N, C-alpha and C. Protein backbone atom coordinates (compact mmCIF):
# COMPACT_ATOMS: atom_id res chain seq x y z
N MET A 1 14.31 4.95 14.68
CA MET A 1 14.08 3.54 14.46
C MET A 1 15.33 2.78 14.87
N ASN A 2 15.14 1.70 15.57
CA ASN A 2 16.26 0.83 15.94
C ASN A 2 16.89 0.26 14.68
N SER A 3 18.21 -0.03 14.75
CA SER A 3 18.88 -0.66 13.62
C SER A 3 18.34 -2.08 13.47
N ILE A 4 17.72 -2.34 12.31
CA ILE A 4 17.08 -3.62 12.09
C ILE A 4 16.98 -3.87 10.59
N PHE A 5 16.99 -5.12 10.21
CA PHE A 5 16.75 -5.48 8.81
C PHE A 5 15.67 -6.54 8.78
N ILE A 6 14.62 -6.27 8.02
CA ILE A 6 13.51 -7.21 7.90
C ILE A 6 13.19 -7.34 6.42
N ASP A 7 13.00 -8.57 5.96
CA ASP A 7 12.62 -8.84 4.58
C ASP A 7 11.64 -10.02 4.62
N ASN A 8 10.37 -9.74 4.30
CA ASN A 8 9.36 -10.77 4.45
C ASN A 8 8.22 -10.56 3.45
N THR A 9 7.48 -11.61 3.20
CA THR A 9 6.28 -11.53 2.36
C THR A 9 5.15 -12.25 3.07
N ILE A 10 3.98 -11.64 3.05
CA ILE A 10 2.80 -12.33 3.54
C ILE A 10 1.78 -12.38 2.40
N THR A 11 0.94 -13.39 2.45
CA THR A 11 -0.08 -13.60 1.44
C THR A 11 -1.43 -13.65 2.13
N ILE A 12 -2.39 -12.88 1.59
CA ILE A 12 -3.73 -12.89 2.17
C ILE A 12 -4.76 -13.18 1.08
N ASP A 13 -5.88 -13.75 1.48
CA ASP A 13 -7.01 -13.94 0.58
C ASP A 13 -7.66 -12.58 0.32
N SER A 14 -8.35 -12.48 -0.79
CA SER A 14 -8.98 -11.21 -1.18
C SER A 14 -10.33 -11.04 -0.49
N ASN A 15 -10.27 -10.92 0.81
CA ASN A 15 -11.43 -10.63 1.65
C ASN A 15 -11.11 -9.32 2.36
N ILE A 16 -12.01 -8.35 2.26
CA ILE A 16 -11.75 -7.02 2.80
C ILE A 16 -11.41 -7.07 4.30
N GLN A 17 -11.91 -8.06 5.01
CA GLN A 17 -11.60 -8.18 6.44
C GLN A 17 -10.11 -8.45 6.68
N ASN A 18 -9.41 -8.95 5.66
CA ASN A 18 -7.98 -9.24 5.81
C ASN A 18 -7.11 -8.00 5.81
N VAL A 19 -7.71 -6.84 5.54
CA VAL A 19 -6.96 -5.58 5.68
C VAL A 19 -6.47 -5.44 7.12
N SER A 20 -7.22 -6.00 8.06
CA SER A 20 -6.81 -5.92 9.47
C SER A 20 -5.48 -6.63 9.72
N VAL A 21 -5.16 -7.63 8.91
CA VAL A 21 -3.87 -8.33 9.03
C VAL A 21 -2.73 -7.34 8.76
N ILE A 22 -2.92 -6.49 7.76
CA ILE A 22 -1.89 -5.51 7.41
C ILE A 22 -1.82 -4.42 8.47
N GLU A 23 -2.96 -4.00 8.98
CA GLU A 23 -2.97 -3.00 10.06
C GLU A 23 -2.20 -3.52 11.27
N LYS A 24 -2.44 -4.77 11.64
CA LYS A 24 -1.73 -5.37 12.79
C LYS A 24 -0.24 -5.50 12.51
N LEU A 25 0.12 -5.87 11.28
CA LEU A 25 1.52 -5.98 10.90
C LEU A 25 2.24 -4.64 11.10
N ILE A 26 1.63 -3.57 10.61
CA ILE A 26 2.24 -2.24 10.75
C ILE A 26 2.26 -1.81 12.21
N ASP A 27 1.20 -2.10 12.95
CA ASP A 27 1.19 -1.79 14.38
C ASP A 27 2.34 -2.49 15.10
N ASN A 28 2.52 -3.78 14.83
CA ASN A 28 3.57 -4.56 15.49
C ASN A 28 4.96 -4.02 15.16
N TYR A 29 5.22 -3.77 13.88
CA TYR A 29 6.53 -3.26 13.50
C TYR A 29 6.74 -1.84 13.98
N SER A 30 5.68 -1.08 14.11
CA SER A 30 5.80 0.27 14.62
C SER A 30 6.38 0.26 16.03
N THR A 31 5.94 -0.70 16.83
CA THR A 31 6.45 -0.82 18.20
C THR A 31 7.88 -1.35 18.20
N VAL A 32 8.13 -2.43 17.46
CA VAL A 32 9.45 -3.06 17.44
C VAL A 32 10.51 -2.11 16.89
N CYS A 33 10.16 -1.42 15.81
CA CYS A 33 11.13 -0.55 15.12
C CYS A 33 11.10 0.90 15.62
N GLU A 34 10.19 1.20 16.52
CA GLU A 34 10.06 2.54 17.09
C GLU A 34 9.82 3.61 16.03
N PHE A 35 8.82 3.39 15.18
CA PHE A 35 8.44 4.40 14.18
C PHE A 35 7.93 5.63 14.90
N ASN A 36 8.26 6.80 14.36
CA ASN A 36 7.64 8.00 14.91
C ASN A 36 6.20 8.08 14.40
N ASP A 37 5.40 8.96 14.99
CA ASP A 37 3.98 9.04 14.66
C ASP A 37 3.73 9.37 13.19
N GLU A 38 4.56 10.25 12.63
CA GLU A 38 4.38 10.64 11.23
C GLU A 38 4.60 9.45 10.29
N LEU A 39 5.70 8.73 10.51
CA LEU A 39 5.99 7.57 9.67
C LEU A 39 4.92 6.50 9.84
N TYR A 40 4.52 6.25 11.06
CA TYR A 40 3.47 5.27 11.32
C TYR A 40 2.20 5.63 10.55
N GLY A 41 1.79 6.87 10.60
CA GLY A 41 0.58 7.31 9.91
C GLY A 41 0.68 7.16 8.41
N LYS A 42 1.83 7.54 7.86
CA LYS A 42 2.03 7.41 6.41
C LYS A 42 1.98 5.95 5.98
N LEU A 43 2.70 5.10 6.70
CA LEU A 43 2.72 3.68 6.38
C LEU A 43 1.32 3.08 6.46
N LEU A 44 0.66 3.35 7.55
CA LEU A 44 -0.65 2.75 7.77
C LEU A 44 -1.62 3.16 6.66
N LEU A 45 -1.71 4.44 6.38
CA LEU A 45 -2.66 4.90 5.36
C LEU A 45 -2.31 4.40 3.96
N ALA A 46 -1.06 4.55 3.56
CA ALA A 46 -0.67 4.19 2.19
C ALA A 46 -0.73 2.69 1.96
N VAL A 47 -0.20 1.91 2.87
CA VAL A 47 -0.15 0.47 2.66
C VAL A 47 -1.55 -0.14 2.76
N VAL A 48 -2.34 0.30 3.72
CA VAL A 48 -3.71 -0.20 3.83
C VAL A 48 -4.51 0.17 2.58
N GLU A 49 -4.32 1.36 2.07
CA GLU A 49 -5.01 1.76 0.84
C GLU A 49 -4.59 0.88 -0.33
N ALA A 50 -3.30 0.58 -0.44
CA ALA A 50 -2.81 -0.28 -1.52
C ALA A 50 -3.41 -1.68 -1.42
N VAL A 51 -3.45 -2.22 -0.22
CA VAL A 51 -4.01 -3.56 -0.02
C VAL A 51 -5.52 -3.55 -0.28
N ASN A 52 -6.19 -2.54 0.20
CA ASN A 52 -7.62 -2.41 -0.06
C ASN A 52 -7.89 -2.35 -1.56
N ASN A 53 -7.12 -1.55 -2.28
CA ASN A 53 -7.28 -1.46 -3.74
C ASN A 53 -7.03 -2.81 -4.41
N ALA A 54 -6.02 -3.53 -3.94
CA ALA A 54 -5.71 -4.85 -4.51
C ALA A 54 -6.87 -5.82 -4.31
N ILE A 55 -7.46 -5.79 -3.13
CA ILE A 55 -8.58 -6.69 -2.84
C ILE A 55 -9.83 -6.30 -3.62
N VAL A 56 -10.21 -5.03 -3.53
CA VAL A 56 -11.49 -4.57 -4.08
C VAL A 56 -11.43 -4.37 -5.59
N HIS A 57 -10.43 -3.61 -6.05
CA HIS A 57 -10.38 -3.26 -7.47
C HIS A 57 -9.58 -4.27 -8.29
N GLY A 58 -8.47 -4.74 -7.74
CA GLY A 58 -7.63 -5.68 -8.47
C GLY A 58 -8.26 -7.05 -8.57
N ASN A 59 -8.50 -7.65 -7.41
CA ASN A 59 -9.02 -9.02 -7.38
C ASN A 59 -10.54 -9.09 -7.30
N ARG A 60 -11.19 -7.95 -7.26
CA ARG A 60 -12.66 -7.87 -7.23
C ARG A 60 -13.26 -8.73 -6.12
N GLU A 61 -12.56 -8.77 -4.98
CA GLU A 61 -12.97 -9.51 -3.79
C GLU A 61 -13.21 -11.00 -4.06
N ASP A 62 -12.52 -11.51 -5.05
CA ASP A 62 -12.56 -12.94 -5.37
C ASP A 62 -11.60 -13.64 -4.41
N GLU A 63 -12.14 -14.34 -3.43
CA GLU A 63 -11.31 -14.94 -2.38
C GLU A 63 -10.41 -16.07 -2.87
N SER A 64 -10.61 -16.50 -4.10
CA SER A 64 -9.69 -17.49 -4.65
C SER A 64 -8.40 -16.83 -5.14
N LYS A 65 -8.42 -15.50 -5.24
CA LYS A 65 -7.23 -14.74 -5.64
C LYS A 65 -6.53 -14.19 -4.41
N LYS A 66 -5.23 -14.07 -4.52
CA LYS A 66 -4.40 -13.66 -3.39
C LYS A 66 -3.86 -12.24 -3.58
N VAL A 67 -3.50 -11.65 -2.46
CA VAL A 67 -2.75 -10.39 -2.44
C VAL A 67 -1.44 -10.70 -1.73
N PHE A 68 -0.34 -10.30 -2.36
CA PHE A 68 1.00 -10.54 -1.83
C PHE A 68 1.58 -9.22 -1.35
N VAL A 69 2.01 -9.20 -0.11
CA VAL A 69 2.59 -7.99 0.48
C VAL A 69 4.02 -8.31 0.88
N HIS A 70 4.96 -7.73 0.15
CA HIS A 70 6.38 -7.92 0.44
C HIS A 70 6.87 -6.63 1.08
N TYR A 71 7.67 -6.77 2.13
CA TYR A 71 8.19 -5.57 2.79
C TYR A 71 9.64 -5.78 3.21
N VAL A 72 10.38 -4.69 3.11
CA VAL A 72 11.78 -4.66 3.50
C VAL A 72 11.98 -3.41 4.34
N PHE A 73 12.52 -3.58 5.53
CA PHE A 73 12.88 -2.47 6.41
C PHE A 73 14.39 -2.50 6.58
N ASN A 74 15.03 -1.35 6.47
CA ASN A 74 16.44 -1.24 6.82
C ASN A 74 16.66 0.15 7.42
N ASP A 75 17.90 0.50 7.66
CA ASP A 75 18.19 1.77 8.32
C ASP A 75 17.90 3.00 7.46
N LYS A 76 17.77 2.82 6.16
CA LYS A 76 17.59 3.96 5.26
C LYS A 76 16.18 4.11 4.72
N GLU A 77 15.45 2.99 4.62
CA GLU A 77 14.13 3.07 3.98
C GLU A 77 13.26 1.88 4.35
N ILE A 78 12.00 2.06 4.08
CA ILE A 78 11.02 0.99 4.20
C ILE A 78 10.37 0.85 2.83
N LEU A 79 10.34 -0.37 2.32
CA LEU A 79 9.74 -0.64 1.02
C LEU A 79 8.57 -1.60 1.19
N PHE A 80 7.44 -1.27 0.63
CA PHE A 80 6.30 -2.18 0.59
C PHE A 80 5.93 -2.39 -0.86
N THR A 81 5.74 -3.63 -1.24
CA THR A 81 5.28 -3.98 -2.58
C THR A 81 4.01 -4.80 -2.42
N VAL A 82 2.94 -4.33 -3.05
CA VAL A 82 1.65 -5.01 -2.97
C VAL A 82 1.27 -5.46 -4.38
N THR A 83 1.00 -6.76 -4.53
CA THR A 83 0.68 -7.34 -5.82
C THR A 83 -0.63 -8.11 -5.73
N ASP A 84 -1.49 -7.90 -6.73
CA ASP A 84 -2.74 -8.66 -6.79
C ASP A 84 -2.73 -9.56 -8.02
N GLU A 85 -3.76 -10.37 -8.16
CA GLU A 85 -3.88 -11.30 -9.28
C GLU A 85 -4.97 -10.85 -10.25
N GLY A 86 -5.28 -9.57 -10.24
CA GLY A 86 -6.32 -9.05 -11.11
C GLY A 86 -5.82 -8.75 -12.51
N GLU A 87 -6.64 -8.01 -13.26
CA GLU A 87 -6.33 -7.68 -14.65
C GLU A 87 -5.41 -6.47 -14.79
N GLY A 88 -5.21 -5.72 -13.72
CA GLY A 88 -4.37 -4.53 -13.77
C GLY A 88 -5.16 -3.31 -14.22
N PHE A 89 -4.47 -2.18 -14.29
CA PHE A 89 -5.07 -0.93 -14.71
C PHE A 89 -3.96 0.02 -15.12
N ASP A 90 -4.34 1.10 -15.74
CA ASP A 90 -3.38 2.13 -16.14
C ASP A 90 -3.40 3.24 -15.09
N PRO A 91 -2.39 3.32 -14.24
CA PRO A 91 -2.40 4.33 -13.18
C PRO A 91 -2.40 5.77 -13.71
N ASN A 92 -1.94 5.95 -14.94
CA ASN A 92 -1.94 7.29 -15.53
C ASN A 92 -3.32 7.70 -16.02
N ALA A 93 -4.24 6.75 -16.11
CA ALA A 93 -5.59 7.04 -16.57
C ALA A 93 -6.53 7.44 -15.43
N ILE A 94 -6.04 7.41 -14.21
CA ILE A 94 -6.87 7.78 -13.06
C ILE A 94 -6.99 9.31 -13.04
N PRO A 95 -8.21 9.85 -13.06
CA PRO A 95 -8.38 11.30 -13.07
C PRO A 95 -7.88 11.94 -11.77
N ASP A 96 -7.42 13.16 -11.88
CA ASP A 96 -6.94 13.92 -10.73
C ASP A 96 -8.14 14.24 -9.83
N PRO A 97 -8.16 13.71 -8.59
CA PRO A 97 -9.32 13.95 -7.72
C PRO A 97 -9.38 15.39 -7.19
N THR A 98 -8.33 16.17 -7.40
CA THR A 98 -8.34 17.55 -6.93
C THR A 98 -8.83 18.54 -7.99
N SER A 99 -9.04 18.06 -9.21
CA SER A 99 -9.55 18.96 -10.25
C SER A 99 -11.04 19.20 -10.02
N MET A 100 -11.51 20.35 -10.45
CA MET A 100 -12.89 20.76 -10.16
C MET A 100 -13.93 19.74 -10.64
N GLU A 101 -13.71 19.14 -11.81
CA GLU A 101 -14.71 18.21 -12.33
C GLU A 101 -14.76 16.90 -11.55
N ASN A 102 -13.73 16.63 -10.73
CA ASN A 102 -13.69 15.38 -9.97
C ASN A 102 -13.83 15.56 -8.47
N ILE A 103 -13.90 16.80 -8.02
CA ILE A 103 -13.81 17.09 -6.59
C ILE A 103 -14.94 16.44 -5.77
N GLU A 104 -16.10 16.25 -6.38
CA GLU A 104 -17.22 15.68 -5.63
C GLU A 104 -17.42 14.19 -5.89
N LYS A 105 -16.59 13.60 -6.72
CA LYS A 105 -16.70 12.16 -6.96
C LYS A 105 -16.22 11.40 -5.73
N ASP A 106 -16.83 10.25 -5.50
CA ASP A 106 -16.49 9.49 -4.29
C ASP A 106 -15.43 8.42 -4.52
N CYS A 107 -14.76 8.44 -5.67
CA CYS A 107 -13.70 7.48 -5.91
C CYS A 107 -12.51 8.19 -6.55
N GLY A 108 -11.38 7.50 -6.60
CA GLY A 108 -10.20 8.05 -7.25
C GLY A 108 -9.24 8.77 -6.34
N ARG A 109 -9.50 8.76 -5.05
CA ARG A 109 -8.62 9.48 -4.13
C ARG A 109 -7.51 8.62 -3.54
N GLY A 110 -7.67 7.30 -3.58
CA GLY A 110 -6.72 6.40 -2.94
C GLY A 110 -5.32 6.48 -3.52
N ILE A 111 -5.21 6.44 -4.83
CA ILE A 111 -3.89 6.51 -5.46
C ILE A 111 -3.27 7.88 -5.24
N TYR A 112 -4.09 8.92 -5.32
CA TYR A 112 -3.60 10.28 -5.05
C TYR A 112 -3.04 10.34 -3.62
N LEU A 113 -3.76 9.80 -2.67
CA LEU A 113 -3.33 9.78 -1.28
C LEU A 113 -2.02 9.01 -1.13
N MET A 114 -1.93 7.85 -1.77
CA MET A 114 -0.71 7.05 -1.70
C MET A 114 0.49 7.84 -2.25
N LYS A 115 0.29 8.52 -3.37
CA LYS A 115 1.37 9.32 -3.96
C LYS A 115 1.82 10.43 -3.03
N CYS A 116 0.89 11.01 -2.29
CA CYS A 116 1.23 12.09 -1.34
C CYS A 116 1.99 11.57 -0.12
N LEU A 117 1.70 10.35 0.30
CA LEU A 117 2.29 9.81 1.53
C LEU A 117 3.63 9.14 1.33
N CYS A 118 3.88 8.60 0.15
CA CYS A 118 5.13 7.86 -0.12
C CYS A 118 6.21 8.81 -0.62
N ASP A 119 7.45 8.48 -0.34
CA ASP A 119 8.56 9.25 -0.90
C ASP A 119 8.76 8.88 -2.37
N GLU A 120 8.49 7.63 -2.70
CA GLU A 120 8.50 7.18 -4.09
C GLU A 120 7.41 6.14 -4.25
N ILE A 121 6.78 6.14 -5.42
CA ILE A 121 5.77 5.14 -5.72
C ILE A 121 5.90 4.75 -7.18
N MET A 122 5.76 3.47 -7.46
CA MET A 122 5.89 3.00 -8.83
C MET A 122 4.89 1.86 -9.04
N PHE A 123 4.24 1.88 -10.18
CA PHE A 123 3.32 0.82 -10.57
C PHE A 123 4.00 -0.03 -11.63
N LYS A 124 3.84 -1.35 -11.50
CA LYS A 124 4.46 -2.29 -12.43
C LYS A 124 3.44 -3.36 -12.81
N ASP A 125 3.84 -4.24 -13.71
CA ASP A 125 3.02 -5.39 -14.09
C ASP A 125 1.62 -4.98 -14.53
N GLY A 126 1.54 -3.91 -15.32
CA GLY A 126 0.24 -3.47 -15.81
C GLY A 126 -0.68 -2.98 -14.71
N GLY A 127 -0.10 -2.45 -13.64
CA GLY A 127 -0.89 -1.93 -12.53
C GLY A 127 -1.23 -2.96 -11.47
N ARG A 128 -0.79 -4.18 -11.63
CA ARG A 128 -1.06 -5.22 -10.63
C ARG A 128 -0.13 -5.12 -9.41
N THR A 129 0.96 -4.39 -9.56
CA THR A 129 1.93 -4.25 -8.47
C THR A 129 2.19 -2.77 -8.21
N VAL A 130 2.16 -2.40 -6.95
CA VAL A 130 2.55 -1.05 -6.55
C VAL A 130 3.71 -1.18 -5.57
N MET A 131 4.75 -0.40 -5.82
CA MET A 131 5.93 -0.38 -4.95
C MET A 131 5.98 0.99 -4.28
N MET A 132 6.05 0.98 -2.94
CA MET A 132 6.04 2.22 -2.17
C MET A 132 7.29 2.30 -1.30
N LYS A 133 7.96 3.43 -1.39
CA LYS A 133 9.19 3.64 -0.63
C LYS A 133 8.98 4.79 0.35
N PHE A 134 9.43 4.56 1.58
CA PHE A 134 9.38 5.55 2.63
C PHE A 134 10.81 5.76 3.14
N SER A 135 11.35 6.93 2.93
CA SER A 135 12.74 7.20 3.33
C SER A 135 12.82 7.47 4.82
N LEU A 136 13.90 7.01 5.42
CA LEU A 136 14.13 7.22 6.84
C LEU A 136 15.25 8.22 7.09
N VAL A 137 15.96 8.63 6.06
CA VAL A 137 17.07 9.56 6.22
C VAL A 137 16.79 10.86 5.50
């Protein structure tokens, strides 16, 4: 990655079609910052999943509610923070999608996937905010 510092926030309406805004953002920075394929894939999957969760589960696709995506890139790490205006949730109450009783359920895999892709992940504000860190060193 080229030496660069970026600190920005974008705000989107809670419409599932706005996930494409985040995909384009990551695509653009991938080119500018010269992300390798592995980092690009991790960022794209984890951040898009977080934004999708914020729109669908957090804000219940209520377009009057916003999703805030704050990101910081530097030479050591990339940080994405996604915040919704929903009621929140308890991330520890999400069942393990890899356990036998949950293996065939069609939900509950997004947070598990995010945890696998990020170097660090933290939920705050009663589950309304997820902070994801991707190490570059």
